[in-house]
Amino acid sequence: MAVSSSALASSPNGPSAHVAVTAVNEEPGTTEPVYKVPHKPTITGKAKVGATLTAHISGLPKGAKVKYQWGESFGQSGGPIGGPTTKKTLKVTKSMRGGNIMVFVTVSVPGYADGTAVSAPTGKVK
């Protein structure tokens, strides 16, 4: 499935979760609206080595499926922590100390192309 080039917009905190786009299917003349995630995900728990962080996302319709991608940032470096998962929790490890943790969600809803949203980053991991 291809997405129009104007599909992504950015803000100081990463990609915008509220950009309206249309995904174009491989079949000519067929399009699906992209699901607009109604709220940014949030993270609860302490950004501290040994603690567990939990992602929360609200306002989704019944039957929605959510995948989580945990990520960390160390200034200009960082990246994903593990692969996409259905786990909404993350155990904070020593290697994450000094960075910020965020979670990206991909929401699948029947009749729509997947929608995405990203949380605000945590404070620096202690």
PDB file of N, CA and C in Angstrom:
ATOM      1  N   MET A   1       0.839  -1.169   0.000  1.00  0.00           N
ATOM      2  CA  MET A   1       0.000   0.000   0.000  1.00  0.00           C
ATOM      3  C   MET A   1       0.884   1.233   0.000  1.00  0.00           C
ATOM      4  N   ALA A   2       0.612   2.180  -0.866  1.00  0.00           N
ATOM      5  CA  ALA A   2       1.382   3.408  -0.929  1.00  0.00           C
ATOM      6  C   ALA A   2       0.641   4.512  -0.187  1.00  0.00           C
ATOM      7  N   VAL A   3       1.372   5.478   0.310  1.00  0.00           N
ATOM      8  CA  VAL A   3       0.773   6.612   1.005  1.00  0.00           C
ATOM      9  C   VAL A   3       1.218   7.857   0.272  1.00  0.00           C
ATOM     10  N   SER A   4       0.320   8.828   0.145  1.00  0.00           N
ATOM     11  CA  SER A   4       0.670  10.048  -0.566  1.00  0.00           C
ATOM     12  C   SER A   4       1.841  10.736   0.114  1.00  0.00           C
ATOM     13  N   SER A   5       2.634  11.479  -0.659  1.00  0.00           N
ATOM     14  CA  SER A   5       3.840  12.099  -0.126  1.00  0.00           C
ATOM     15  C   SER A   5       3.546  13.159   0.904  1.00  0.00           C
ATOM     16  N   SER A   6       2.349  13.689   0.957  1.00  0.00           N
ATOM     17  CA  SER A   6       2.011  14.694   1.952  1.00  0.00           C
ATOM     18  C   SER A   6       1.472  14.062   3.231  1.00  0.00           C
ATOM     19  N   ALA A   7       1.649  12.754   3.383  1.00  0.00           N
ATOM     20  CA  ALA A   7       1.060  12.038   4.511  1.00  0.00           C
ATOM     21  C   ALA A   7       1.723  12.338   5.834  1.00  0.00           C
ATOM     22  N   LEU A   8       3.004  12.688   5.828  1.00  0.00           N
ATOM     23  CA  LEU A   8       3.695  12.876   7.087  1.00  0.00           C
ATOM     24  C   LEU A   8       3.966  14.346   7.335  1.00  0.00           C
ATOM     25  N   ALA A   9       3.741  14.756   8.573  1.00  0.00           N
ATOM     26  CA  ALA A   9       4.085  16.102   9.003  1.00  0.00           C
ATOM     27  C   ALA A   9       4.821  15.957  10.308  1.00  0.00           C
ATOM     28  N   SER A  10       5.667  16.892  10.622  1.00  0.00           N
ATOM     29  CA  SER A  10       6.398  16.755  11.870  1.00  0.00           C
ATOM     30  C   SER A  10       6.171  17.965  12.746  1.00  0.00           C
ATOM     31  N   SER A  11       6.446  17.764  14.016  1.00  0.00           N
ATOM     32  CA  SER A  11       6.368  18.811  15.013  1.00  0.00           C
ATOM     33  C   SER A  11       7.627  18.694  15.836  1.00  0.00           C
ATOM     34  N   PRO A  12       7.866  19.620  16.771  1.00  0.00           N
ATOM     35  CA  PRO A  12       9.071  19.509  17.588  1.00  0.00           C
ATOM     36  C   PRO A  12       9.161  18.196  18.346  1.00  0.00           C
ATOM     37  N   ASN A  13       8.034  17.533  18.593  1.00  0.00           N
ATOM     38  CA  ASN A  13       8.039  16.287  19.360  1.00  0.00           C
ATOM     39  C   ASN A  13       7.904  15.058  18.478  1.00  0.00           C
ATOM     40  N   GLY A  14       8.042  15.183  17.167  1.00  0.00           N
ATOM     41  CA  GLY A  14       7.955  14.023  16.293  1.00  0.00           C
ATOM     42  C   GLY A  14       6.786  14.122  15.347  1.00  0.00           C
ATOM     43  N   PRO A  15       6.436  13.017  14.671  1.00  0.00           N
ATOM     44  CA  PRO A  15       5.358  13.034  13.688  1.00  0.00           C
ATOM     45  C   PRO A  15       4.019  13.410  14.318  1.00  0.00           C
ATOM     46  N   SER A  16       3.219  14.136  13.591  1.00  0.00           N
ATOM     47  CA  SER A  16       1.898  14.518  14.068  1.00  0.00           C
ATOM     48  C   SER A  16       0.964  13.334  13.990  1.00  0.00           C
ATOM     49  N   ALA A  17       0.140  13.172  15.012  1.00  0.00           N
ATOM     50  CA  ALA A  17      -0.807  12.071  15.038  1.00  0.00           C
ATOM     51  C   ALA A  17      -2.124  12.443  14.363  1.00  0.00           C
ATOM     52  N   HIS A  18      -2.264  13.689  13.964  1.00  0.00           N
ATOM     53  CA  HIS A  18      -3.562  14.148  13.482  1.00  0.00           C
ATOM     54  C   HIS A  18      -3.519  14.678  12.053  1.00  0.00           C
ATOM     55  N   VAL A  19      -2.758  14.029  11.196  1.00  0.00           N
ATOM     56  CA  VAL A  19      -2.680  14.417   9.797  1.00  0.00           C
ATOM     57  C   VAL A  19      -3.664  13.561   9.009  1.00  0.00           C
ATOM     58  N   ALA A  20      -4.555  14.206   8.280  1.00  0.00           N
ATOM     59  CA  ALA A  20      -5.532  13.463   7.486  1.00  0.00           C
ATOM     60  C   ALA A  20      -4.915  13.137   6.135  1.00  0.00           C
ATOM     61  N   VAL A  21      -4.866  11.870   5.804  1.00  0.00           N
ATOM     62  CA  VAL A  21      -4.320  11.424   4.525  1.00  0.00           C
ATOM     63  C   VAL A  21      -5.179  10.293   3.992  1.00  0.00           C
ATOM     64  N   THR A  22      -4.947   9.944   2.761  1.00  0.00           N
ATOM     65  CA  THR A  22      -5.619   8.803   2.167  1.00  0.00           C
ATOM     66  C   THR A  22      -4.565   7.842   1.665  1.00  0.00           C
ATOM     67  N   ALA A  23      -4.693   6.590   2.036  1.00  0.00           N
ATOM     68  CA  ALA A  23      -3.772   5.563   1.560  1.00  0.00           C
ATOM     69  C   ALA A  23      -4.308   5.040   0.236  1.00  0.00           C
ATOM     70  N   VAL A  24      -3.416   4.777  -0.680  1.00  0.00           N
ATOM     71  CA  VAL A  24      -3.820   4.281  -1.996  1.00  0.00           C
ATOM     72  C   VAL A  24      -3.474   2.803  -2.076  1.00  0.00           C
ATOM     73  N   ASN A  25      -4.485   1.982  -2.295  1.00  0.00           N
ATOM     74  CA  ASN A  25      -4.264   0.540  -2.425  1.00  0.00           C
ATOM     75  C   ASN A  25      -3.559   0.241  -3.735  1.00  0.00           C
ATOM     76  N   GLU A  26      -3.026  -0.962  -3.818  1.00  0.00           N
ATOM     77  CA  GLU A  26      -2.346  -1.409  -5.025  1.00  0.00           C
ATOM     78  C   GLU A  26      -3.340  -1.501  -6.197  1.00  0.00           C
ATOM     79  N   GLU A  27      -4.620  -1.703  -5.903  1.00  0.00           N
ATOM     80  CA  GLU A  27      -5.620  -1.813  -6.957  1.00  0.00           C
ATOM     81  C   GLU A  27      -5.991  -0.412  -7.439  1.00  0.00           C
ATOM     82  N   PRO A  28      -5.944  -0.155  -8.741  1.00  0.00           N
ATOM     83  CA  PRO A  28      -6.275   1.175  -9.266  1.00  0.00           C
ATOM     84  C   PRO A  28      -7.680   1.608  -8.878  1.00  0.00           C
ATOM     85  N   GLY A  29      -7.800   2.873  -8.485  1.00  0.00           N
ATOM     86  CA  GLY A  29      -9.115   3.438  -8.186  1.00  0.00           C
ATOM     87  C   GLY A  29      -9.643   3.129  -6.801  1.00  0.00           C
ATOM     88  N   THR A  30      -8.890   2.423  -5.951  1.00  0.00           N
ATOM     89  CA  THR A  30      -9.371   2.067  -4.628  1.00  0.00           C
ATOM     90  C   THR A  30      -8.554   2.802  -3.560  1.00  0.00           C
ATOM     91  N   THR A  31      -9.232   3.456  -2.650  1.00  0.00           N
ATOM     92  CA  THR A  31      -8.536   4.133  -1.551  1.00  0.00           C
ATOM     93  C   THR A  31      -9.226   3.819  -0.235  1.00  0.00           C
ATOM     94  N   GLU A  32      -8.457   3.891   0.838  1.00  0.00           N
ATOM     95  CA  GLU A  32      -8.997   3.733   2.193  1.00  0.00           C
ATOM     96  C   GLU A  32      -8.621   4.976   2.980  1.00  0.00           C
ATOM     97  N   PRO A  33      -9.523   5.494   3.775  1.00  0.00           N
ATOM     98  CA  PRO A  33      -9.125   6.601   4.638  1.00  0.00           C
ATOM     99  C   PRO A  33      -8.198   6.072   5.733  1.00  0.00           C
ATOM    100  N   VAL A  34      -7.260   6.875   6.143  1.00  0.00           N
ATOM    101  CA  VAL A  34      -6.360   6.494   7.234  1.00  0.00           C
ATOM    102  C   VAL A  34      -7.084   6.764   8.543  1.00  0.00           C
ATOM    103  N   TYR A  35      -7.028   5.803   9.462  1.00  0.00           N
ATOM    104  CA  TYR A  35      -7.661   5.983  10.762  1.00  0.00           C
ATOM    105  C   TYR A  35      -6.960   7.106  11.518  1.00  0.00           C
ATOM    106  N   LYS A  36      -7.703   8.073  11.980  1.00  0.00           N
ATOM    107  CA  LYS A  36      -7.155   9.194  12.742  1.00  0.00           C
ATOM    108  C   LYS A  36      -7.219   8.826  14.229  1.00  0.00           C
ATOM    109  N   VAL A  37      -6.081   8.582  14.826  1.00  0.00           N
ATOM    110  CA  VAL A  37      -6.012   8.202  16.241  1.00  0.00           C
ATOM    111  C   VAL A  37      -6.492   9.407  17.054  1.00  0.00           C
ATOM    112  N   PRO A  38      -7.531   9.235  17.899  1.00  0.00           N
ATOM    113  CA  PRO A  38      -8.146  10.386  18.570  1.00  0.00           C
ATOM    114  C   PRO A  38      -7.308  11.032  19.676  1.00  0.00           C
ATOM    115  N   HIS A  39      -6.403  10.293  20.280  1.00  0.00           N
ATOM    116  CA  HIS A  39      -5.590  10.834  21.379  1.00  0.00           C
ATOM    117  C   HIS A  39      -4.171  10.310  21.257  1.00  0.00           C
ATOM    118  N   LYS A  40      -3.206  11.122  21.698  1.00  0.00           N
ATOM    119  CA  LYS A  40      -1.828  10.642  21.761  1.00  0.00           C
ATOM    120  C   LYS A  40      -1.735   9.606  22.873  1.00  0.00           C
ATOM    121  N   PRO A  41      -0.884   8.607  22.707  1.00  0.00           N
ATOM    122  CA  PRO A  41      -0.683   7.666  23.811  1.00  0.00           C
ATOM    123  C   PRO A  41       0.039   8.373  24.954  1.00  0.00           C
ATOM    124  N   THR A  42      -0.142   7.853  26.147  1.00  0.00           N
ATOM    125  CA  THR A  42       0.557   8.379  27.319  1.00  0.00           C
ATOM    126  C   THR A  42       1.345   7.238  27.947  1.00  0.00           C
ATOM    127  N   ILE A  43       2.332   7.603  28.751  1.00  0.00           N
ATOM    128  CA  ILE A  43       3.173   6.627  29.442  1.00  0.00           C
ATOM    129  C   ILE A  43       3.076   6.884  30.932  1.00  0.00           C
ATOM    130  N   THR A  44       2.816   5.819  31.693  1.00  0.00           N
ATOM    131  CA  THR A  44       2.839   5.933  33.151  1.00  0.00           C
ATOM    132  C   THR A  44       3.970   5.077  33.701  1.00  0.00           C
ATOM    133  N   GLY A  45       4.422   5.430  34.882  1.00  0.00           N
ATOM    134  CA  GLY A  45       5.530   4.739  35.526  1.00  0.00           C
ATOM    135  C   GLY A  45       6.715   5.688  35.626  1.00  0.00           C
ATOM    136  N   LYS A  46       7.701   5.299  36.408  1.00  0.00           N
ATOM    137  CA  LYS A  46       8.882   6.135  36.597  1.00  0.00           C
ATOM    138  C   LYS A  46       9.966   5.786  35.593  1.00  0.00           C
ATOM    139  N   ALA A  47      10.550   6.810  35.001  1.00  0.00           N
ATOM    140  CA  ALA A  47      11.653   6.614  34.050  1.00  0.00           C
ATOM    141  C   ALA A  47      12.917   6.372  34.868  1.00  0.00           C
ATOM    142  N   LYS A  48      13.005   5.164  35.409  1.00  0.00           N
ATOM    143  CA  LYS A  48      14.083   4.805  36.328  1.00  0.00           C
ATOM    144  C   LYS A  48      14.490   3.360  36.047  1.00  0.00           C
ATOM    145  N   VAL A  49      15.792   3.081  36.051  1.00  0.00           N
ATOM    146  CA  VAL A  49      16.278   1.725  35.798  1.00  0.00           C
ATOM    147  C   VAL A  49      15.591   0.751  36.759  1.00  0.00           C
ATOM    148  N   GLY A  50      15.060  -0.332  36.223  1.00  0.00           N
ATOM    149  CA  GLY A  50      14.381  -1.356  37.006  1.00  0.00           C
ATOM    150  C   GLY A  50      12.870  -1.186  37.047  1.00  0.00           C
ATOM    151  N   ALA A  51      12.373   0.007  36.712  1.00  0.00           N
ATOM    152  CA  ALA A  51      10.931   0.265  36.742  1.00  0.00           C
ATOM    153  C   ALA A  51      10.276  -0.267  35.467  1.00  0.00           C
ATOM    154  N   THR A  52       8.952  -0.357  35.490  1.00  0.00           N
ATOM    155  CA  THR A  52       8.181  -0.750  34.321  1.00  0.00           C
ATOM    156  C   THR A  52       7.332   0.428  33.878  1.00  0.00           C
ATOM    157  N   LEU A  53       7.408   0.760  32.591  1.00  0.00           N
ATOM    158  CA  LEU A  53       6.575   1.804  32.002  1.00  0.00           C
ATOM    159  C   LEU A  53       5.403   1.136  31.296  1.00  0.00           C
ATOM    160  N   THR A  54       4.253   1.807  31.308  1.00  0.00           N
ATOM    161  CA  THR A  54       3.055   1.271  30.665  1.00  0.00           C
ATOM    162  C   THR A  54       2.474   2.314  29.720  1.00  0.00           C
ATOM    163  N   ALA A  55       2.157   1.879  28.497  1.00  0.00           N
ATOM    164  CA  ALA A  55       1.530   2.750  27.495  1.00  0.00           C
ATOM    165  C   ALA A  55       0.013   2.665  27.638  1.00  0.00           C
ATOM    166  N   HIS A  56      -0.632   3.803  27.443  1.00  0.00           N
ATOM    167  CA  HIS A  56      -2.096   3.879  27.489  1.00  0.00           C
ATOM    168  C   HIS A  56      -2.571   4.639  26.257  1.00  0.00           C
ATOM    169  N   ILE A  57      -3.642   4.145  25.655  1.00  0.00           N
ATOM    170  CA  ILE A  57      -4.261   4.844  24.523  1.00  0.00           C
ATOM    171  C   ILE A  57      -5.773   4.751  24.722  1.00  0.00           C
ATOM    172  N   SER A  58      -6.469   5.877  24.585  1.00  0.00           N
ATOM    173  CA  SER A  58      -7.907   5.881  24.860  1.00  0.00           C
ATOM    174  C   SER A  58      -8.687   6.333  23.632  1.00  0.00           C
ATOM    175  N   GLY A  59      -9.993   6.109  23.690  1.00  0.00           N
ATOM    176  CA  GLY A  59     -10.889   6.575  22.649  1.00  0.00           C
ATOM    177  C   GLY A  59     -10.940   5.740  21.396  1.00  0.00           C
ATOM    178  N   LEU A  60     -10.414   4.519  21.446  1.00  0.00           N
ATOM    179  CA  LEU A  60     -10.411   3.676  20.255  1.00  0.00           C
ATOM    180  C   LEU A  60     -11.728   2.920  20.130  1.00  0.00           C
ATOM    181  N   PRO A  61     -12.162   2.661  18.900  1.00  0.00           N
ATOM    182  CA  PRO A  61     -13.417   1.917  18.719  1.00  0.00           C
ATOM    183  C   PRO A  61     -13.242   0.443  19.088  1.00  0.00           C
ATOM    184  N   LYS A  62     -14.361  -0.190  19.386  1.00  0.00           N
ATOM    185  CA  LYS A  62     -14.347  -1.619  19.681  1.00  0.00           C
ATOM    186  C   LYS A  62     -13.776  -2.367  18.474  1.00  0.00           C
ATOM    187  N   GLY A  63     -12.925  -3.333  18.750  1.00  0.00           N
ATOM    188  CA  GLY A  63     -12.322  -4.127  17.695  1.00  0.00           C
ATOM    189  C   GLY A  63     -11.002  -3.580  17.172  1.00  0.00           C
ATOM    190  N   ALA A  64     -10.594  -2.406  17.644  1.00  0.00           N
ATOM    191  CA  ALA A  64      -9.307  -1.841  17.202  1.00  0.00           C
ATOM    192  C   ALA A  64      -8.171  -2.698  17.750  1.00  0.00           C
ATOM    193  N   LYS A  65      -7.134  -2.875  16.951  1.00  0.00           N
ATOM    194  CA  LYS A  65      -5.937  -3.606  17.382  1.00  0.00           C
ATOM    195  C   LYS A  65      -4.790  -2.604  17.454  1.00  0.00           C
ATOM    196  N   VAL A  66      -3.980  -2.730  18.509  1.00  0.00           N
ATOM    197  CA  VAL A  66      -2.893  -1.775  18.732  1.00  0.00           C
ATOM    198  C   VAL A  66      -1.554  -2.498  18.777  1.00  0.00           C
ATOM    199  N   LYS A  67      -0.580  -1.947  18.065  1.00  0.00           N
ATOM    200  CA  LYS A  67       0.800  -2.414  18.161  1.00  0.00           C
ATOM    201  C   LYS A  67       1.617  -1.268  18.735  1.00  0.00           C
ATOM    202  N   TYR A  68       2.568  -1.615  19.585  1.00  0.00           N
ATOM    203  CA  TYR A  68       3.405  -0.626  20.245  1.00  0.00           C
ATOM    204  C   TYR A  68       4.834  -0.752  19.755  1.00  0.00           C
ATOM    205  N   GLN A  69       5.517   0.368  19.592  1.00  0.00           N
ATOM    206  CA  GLN A  69       6.946   0.376  19.285  1.00  0.00           C
ATOM    207  C   GLN A  69       7.583   1.348  20.276  1.00  0.00           C
ATOM    208  N   TRP A  70       8.304   0.791  21.222  1.00  0.00           N
ATOM    209  CA  TRP A  70       8.993   1.614  22.213  1.00  0.00           C
ATOM    210  C   TRP A  70      10.263   2.150  21.581  1.00  0.00           C
ATOM    211  N   GLY A  71      10.616   3.382  21.931  1.00  0.00           N
ATOM    212  CA  GLY A  71      11.822   3.986  21.395  1.00  0.00           C
ATOM    213  C   GLY A  71      12.498   4.841  22.442  1.00  0.00           C
ATOM    214  N   GLU A  72      13.769   5.112  22.203  1.00  0.00           N
ATOM    215  CA  GLU A  72      14.510   5.986  23.114  1.00  0.00           C
ATOM    216  C   GLU A  72      15.288   7.007  22.319  1.00  0.00           C
ATOM    217  N   SER A  73      15.581   8.110  22.969  1.00  0.00           N
ATOM    218  CA  SER A  73      16.287   9.195  22.320  1.00  0.00           C
ATOM    219  C   SER A  73      17.449   9.639  23.195  1.00  0.00           C
ATOM    220  N   PHE A  74      18.595   9.774  22.580  1.00  0.00           N
ATOM    221  CA  PHE A  74      19.781  10.294  23.260  1.00  0.00           C
ATOM    222  C   PHE A  74      20.300  11.438  22.413  1.00  0.00           C
ATOM    223  N   GLY A  75      19.602  12.552  22.414  1.00  0.00           N
ATOM    224  CA  GLY A  75      19.993  13.670  21.561  1.00  0.00           C
ATOM    225  C   GLY A  75      19.747  13.310  20.110  1.00  0.00           C
ATOM    226  N   GLN A  76      20.792  13.231  19.312  1.00  0.00           N
ATOM    227  CA  GLN A  76      20.655  12.911  17.893  1.00  0.00           C
ATOM    228  C   GLN A  76      20.645  11.410  17.630  1.00  0.00           C
ATOM    229  N   SER A  77      21.003  10.593  18.626  1.00  0.00           N
ATOM    230  CA  SER A  77      21.007   9.147  18.408  1.00  0.00           C
ATOM    231  C   SER A  77      19.832   8.516  19.137  1.00  0.00           C
ATOM    232  N   GLY A  78      19.760   7.237  19.114  1.00  0.00           N
ATOM    233  CA  GLY A  78      18.661   6.521  19.748  1.00  0.00           C
ATOM    234  C   GLY A  78      17.962   5.684  18.705  1.00  0.00           C
ATOM    235  N   GLY A  79      16.770   5.246  19.014  1.00  0.00           N
ATOM    236  CA  GLY A  79      16.036   4.453  18.051  1.00  0.00           C
ATOM    237  C   GLY A  79      15.096   3.495  18.741  1.00  0.00           C
ATOM    238  N   PRO A  80      14.595   2.527  17.988  1.00  0.00           N
ATOM    239  CA  PRO A  80      13.628   1.590  18.543  1.00  0.00           C
ATOM    240  C   PRO A  80      14.242   0.696  19.605  1.00  0.00           C
ATOM    241  N   ILE A  81      13.409   0.319  20.537  1.00  0.00           N
ATOM    242  CA  ILE A  81      13.786  -0.648  21.569  1.00  0.00           C
ATOM    243  C   ILE A  81      13.035  -1.922  21.228  1.00  0.00           C
ATOM    244  N   GLY A  82      13.705  -2.911  20.681  1.00  0.00           N
ATOM    245  CA  GLY A  82      13.031  -4.138  20.266  1.00  0.00           C
ATOM    246  C   GLY A  82      12.220  -3.903  19.013  1.00  0.00           C
ATOM    247  N   GLY A  83      11.413  -4.878  18.660  1.00  0.00           N
ATOM    248  CA  GLY A  83      10.572  -4.783  17.472  1.00  0.00           C
ATOM    249  C   GLY A  83       9.157  -4.397  17.849  1.00  0.00           C
ATOM    250  N   PRO A  84       8.306  -4.123  16.854  1.00  0.00           N
ATOM    251  CA  PRO A  84       6.905  -3.836  17.149  1.00  0.00           C
ATOM    252  C   PRO A  84       6.308  -4.984  17.956  1.00  0.00           C
ATOM    253  N   THR A  85       5.455  -4.650  18.899  1.00  0.00           N
ATOM    254  CA  THR A  85       4.914  -5.652  19.807  1.00  0.00           C
ATOM    255  C   THR A  85       3.487  -5.299  20.204  1.00  0.00           C
ATOM    256  N   THR A  86       2.789  -6.257  20.752  1.00  0.00           N
ATOM    257  CA  THR A  86       1.467  -5.983  21.314  1.00  0.00           C
ATOM    258  C   THR A  86       1.597  -5.697  22.811  1.00  0.00           C
ATOM    259  N   LYS A  87       2.834  -5.747  23.329  1.00  0.00           N
ATOM    260  CA  LYS A  87       3.051  -5.467  24.754  1.00  0.00           C
ATOM    261  C   LYS A  87       2.962  -3.972  25.015  1.00  0.00           C
ATOM    262  N   LYS A  88       2.162  -3.639  25.997  1.00  0.00           N
ATOM    263  CA  LYS A  88       2.039  -2.225  26.332  1.00  0.00           C
ATOM    264  C   LYS A  88       2.953  -1.829  27.481  1.00  0.00           C
ATOM    265  N   THR A  89       3.845  -2.725  27.894  1.00  0.00           N
ATOM    266  CA  THR A  89       4.766  -2.416  28.977  1.00  0.00           C
ATOM    267  C   THR A  89       6.214  -2.528  28.512  1.00  0.00           C
ATOM    268  N   LEU A  90       7.090  -1.818  29.208  1.00  0.00           N
ATOM    269  CA  LEU A  90       8.522  -1.845  28.914  1.00  0.00           C
ATOM    270  C   LEU A  90       9.286  -1.804  30.227  1.00  0.00           C
ATOM    271  N   LYS A  91      10.209  -2.730  30.394  1.00  0.00           N
ATOM    272  CA  LYS A  91      11.094  -2.752  31.561  1.00  0.00           C
ATOM    273  C   LYS A  91      12.281  -1.838  31.237  1.00  0.00           C
ATOM    274  N   VAL A  92      12.551  -0.855  32.102  1.00  0.00           N
ATOM    275  CA  VAL A  92      13.634   0.105  31.894  1.00  0.00           C
ATOM    276  C   VAL A  92      14.957  -0.541  32.311  1.00  0.00           C
ATOM    277  N   THR A  93      15.935  -0.518  31.398  1.00  0.00           N
ATOM    278  CA  THR A  93      17.232  -1.154  31.648  1.00  0.00           C
ATOM    279  C   THR A  93      18.340  -0.107  31.804  1.00  0.00           C
ATOM    280  N   LYS A  94      19.496  -0.571  32.282  1.00  0.00           N
ATOM    281  CA  LYS A  94      20.649   0.313  32.482  1.00  0.00           C
ATOM    282  C   LYS A  94      21.059   1.018  31.197  1.00  0.00           C
ATOM    283  N   SER A  95      20.945   0.342  30.070  1.00  0.00           N
ATOM    284  CA  SER A  95      21.367   0.941  28.798  1.00  0.00           C
ATOM    285  C   SER A  95      20.510   2.141  28.402  1.00  0.00           C
ATOM    286  N   MET A  96      19.347   2.310  29.034  1.00  0.00           N
ATOM    287  CA  MET A  96      18.449   3.413  28.723  1.00  0.00           C
ATOM    288  C   MET A  96      18.727   4.642  29.589  1.00  0.00           C
ATOM    289  N   ARG A  97      19.601   4.498  30.592  1.00  0.00           N
ATOM    290  CA  ARG A  97      19.890   5.594  31.522  1.00  0.00           C
ATOM    291  C   ARG A  97      20.366   6.824  30.743  1.00  0.00           C
ATOM    292  N   GLY A  98      19.813   7.981  31.089  1.00  0.00           N
ATOM    293  CA  GLY A  98      20.198   9.242  30.460  1.00  0.00           C
ATOM    294  C   GLY A  98      19.391   9.594  29.228  1.00  0.00           C
ATOM    295  N   GLY A  99      18.624   8.651  28.709  1.00  0.00           N
ATOM    296  CA  GLY A  99      17.808   8.913  27.521  1.00  0.00           C
ATOM    297  C   GLY A  99      16.368   9.210  27.902  1.00  0.00           C
ATOM    298  N   ASN A 100      15.549   9.448  26.921  1.00  0.00           N
ATOM    299  CA  ASN A 100      14.112   9.646  27.091  1.00  0.00           C
ATOM    300  C   ASN A 100      13.410   8.509  26.365  1.00  0.00           C
ATOM    301  N   ILE A 101      12.331   8.028  26.924  1.00  0.00           N
ATOM    302  CA  ILE A 101      11.564   6.920  26.334  1.00  0.00           C
ATOM    303  C   ILE A 101      10.256   7.470  25.775  1.00  0.00           C
ATOM    304  N   MET A 102       9.859   6.952  24.619  1.00  0.00           N
ATOM    305  CA  MET A 102       8.564   7.296  24.047  1.00  0.00           C
ATOM    306  C   MET A 102       7.947   6.035  23.470  1.00  0.00           C
ATOM    307  N   VAL A 103       6.671   6.095  23.167  1.00  0.00           N
ATOM    308  CA  VAL A 103       6.016   4.945  22.549  1.00  0.00           C
ATOM    309  C   VAL A 103       5.237   5.422  21.319  1.00  0.00           C
ATOM    310  N   PHE A 104       5.411   4.657  20.228  1.00  0.00           N
ATOM    311  CA  PHE A 104       4.679   4.887  18.990  1.00  0.00           C
ATOM    312  C   PHE A 104       3.603   3.812  18.928  1.00  0.00           C
ATOM    313  N   VAL A 105       2.377   4.181  18.573  1.00  0.00           N
ATOM    314  CA  VAL A 105       1.317   3.183  18.431  1.00  0.00           C
ATOM    315  C   VAL A 105       0.838   3.162  16.988  1.00  0.00           C
ATOM    316  N   THR A 106       0.514   1.960  16.529  1.00  0.00           N
ATOM    317  CA  THR A 106      -0.116   1.762  15.230  1.00  0.00           C
ATOM    318  C   THR A 106      -1.459   1.119  15.518  1.00  0.00           C
ATOM    319  N   VAL A 107      -2.524   1.771  15.065  1.00  0.00           N
ATOM    320  CA  VAL A 107      -3.882   1.312  15.354  1.00  0.00           C
ATOM    321  C   VAL A 107      -4.519   0.792  14.069  1.00  0.00           C
ATOM    322  N   SER A 108      -4.999  -0.455  14.113  1.00  0.00           N
ATOM    323  CA  SER A 108      -5.687  -1.082  12.981  1.00  0.00           C
ATOM    324  C   SER A 108      -7.176  -1.146  13.280  1.00  0.00           C
ATOM    325  N   VAL A 109      -7.962  -0.577  12.364  1.00  0.00           N
ATOM    326  CA  VAL A 109      -9.421  -0.576  12.491  1.00  0.00           C
ATOM    327  C   VAL A 109      -9.970  -1.045  11.149  1.00  0.00           C
ATOM    328  N   PRO A 110     -10.887  -2.021  11.143  1.00  0.00           N
ATOM    329  CA  PRO A 110     -11.446  -2.504   9.876  1.00  0.00           C
ATOM    330  C   PRO A 110     -12.005  -1.361   9.031  1.00  0.00           C
ATOM    331  N   GLY A 111     -11.688  -1.392   7.720  1.00  0.00           N
ATOM    332  CA  GLY A 111     -12.182  -0.379   6.798  1.00  0.00           C
ATOM    333  C   GLY A 111     -11.280   0.838   6.670  1.00  0.00           C
ATOM    334  N   TYR A 112     -10.182   0.862   7.419  1.00  0.00           N
ATOM    335  CA  TYR A 112      -9.256   2.002   7.394  1.00  0.00           C
ATOM    336  C   TYR A 112      -7.831   1.510   7.217  1.00  0.00           C
ATOM    337  N   ALA A 113      -6.994   2.366   6.646  1.00  0.00           N
ATOM    338  CA  ALA A 113      -5.553   2.129   6.671  1.00  0.00           C
ATOM    339  C   ALA A 113      -5.098   2.424   8.104  1.00  0.00           C
ATOM    340  N   ASP A 114      -4.027   1.774   8.529  1.00  0.00           N
ATOM    341  CA  ASP A 114      -3.544   1.945   9.903  1.00  0.00           C
ATOM    342  C   ASP A 114      -3.232   3.404  10.211  1.00  0.00           C
ATOM    343  N   GLY A 115      -3.579   3.811  11.429  1.00  0.00           N
ATOM    344  CA  GLY A 115      -3.255   5.147  11.922  1.00  0.00           C
ATOM    345  C   GLY A 115      -2.135   5.054  12.946  1.00  0.00           C
ATOM    346  N   THR A 116      -1.377   6.114  13.107  1.00  0.00           N
ATOM    347  CA  THR A 116      -0.268   6.115  14.055  1.00  0.00           C
ATOM    348  C   THR A 116      -0.300   7.358  14.936  1.00  0.00           C
ATOM    349  N   ALA A 117       0.327   7.234  16.106  1.00  0.00           N
ATOM    350  CA  ALA A 117       0.472   8.361  17.028  1.00  0.00           C
ATOM    351  C   ALA A 117       1.688   8.092  17.904  1.00  0.00           C
ATOM    352  N   VAL A 118       2.262   9.152  18.457  1.00  0.00           N
ATOM    353  CA  VAL A 118       3.441   9.017  19.313  1.00  0.00           C
ATOM    354  C   VAL A 118       3.208   9.795  20.607  1.00  0.00           C
ATOM    355  N   SER A 119       3.713   9.219  21.699  1.00  0.00           N
ATOM    356  CA  SER A 119       3.588   9.860  23.006  1.00  0.00           C
ATOM    357  C   SER A 119       4.611  10.976  23.150  1.00  0.00           C
ATOM    358  N   ALA A 120       4.420  11.786  24.158  1.00  0.00           N
ATOM    359  CA  ALA A 120       5.471  12.719  24.575  1.00  0.00           C
ATOM    360  C   ALA A 120       6.559  11.874  25.219  1.00  0.00           C
ATOM    361  N   PRO A 121       7.828  12.315  25.150  1.00  0.00           N
ATOM    362  CA  PRO A 121       8.900  11.533  25.777  1.00  0.00           C
ATOM    363  C   PRO A 121       8.845  11.661  27.295  1.00  0.00           C
ATOM    364  N   THR A 122       9.346  10.647  27.966  1.00  0.00           N
ATOM    365  CA  THR A 122       9.474  10.710  29.423  1.00  0.00           C
ATOM    366  C   THR A 122      10.598  11.681  29.757  1.00  0.00           C
ATOM    367  N   GLY A 123      10.759  11.960  31.041  1.00  0.00           N
ATOM    368  CA  GLY A 123      11.945  12.690  31.468  1.00  0.00           C
ATOM    369  C   GLY A 123      13.140  11.757  31.296  1.00  0.00           C
ATOM    370  N   LYS A 124      14.333  12.258  31.531  1.00  0.00           N
ATOM    371  CA  LYS A 124      15.536  11.438  31.389  1.00  0.00           C
ATOM    372  C   LYS A 124      15.491  10.255  32.356  1.00  0.00           C
ATOM    373  N   VAL A 125      15.879   9.101  31.851  1.00  0.00           N
ATOM    374  CA  VAL A 125      15.906   7.885  32.666  1.00  0.00           C
ATOM    375  C   VAL A 125      17.030   8.023  33.701  1.00  0.00           C
ATOM    376  N   LYS A 126      16.683   7.752  34.955  1.00  0.00           N
ATOM    377  CA  LYS A 126      17.652   7.837  36.059  1.00  0.00           C
ATOM    378  C   LYS A 126      18.105   6.465  36.465  1.00  0.00           C
TER     379      LYS A 126
END
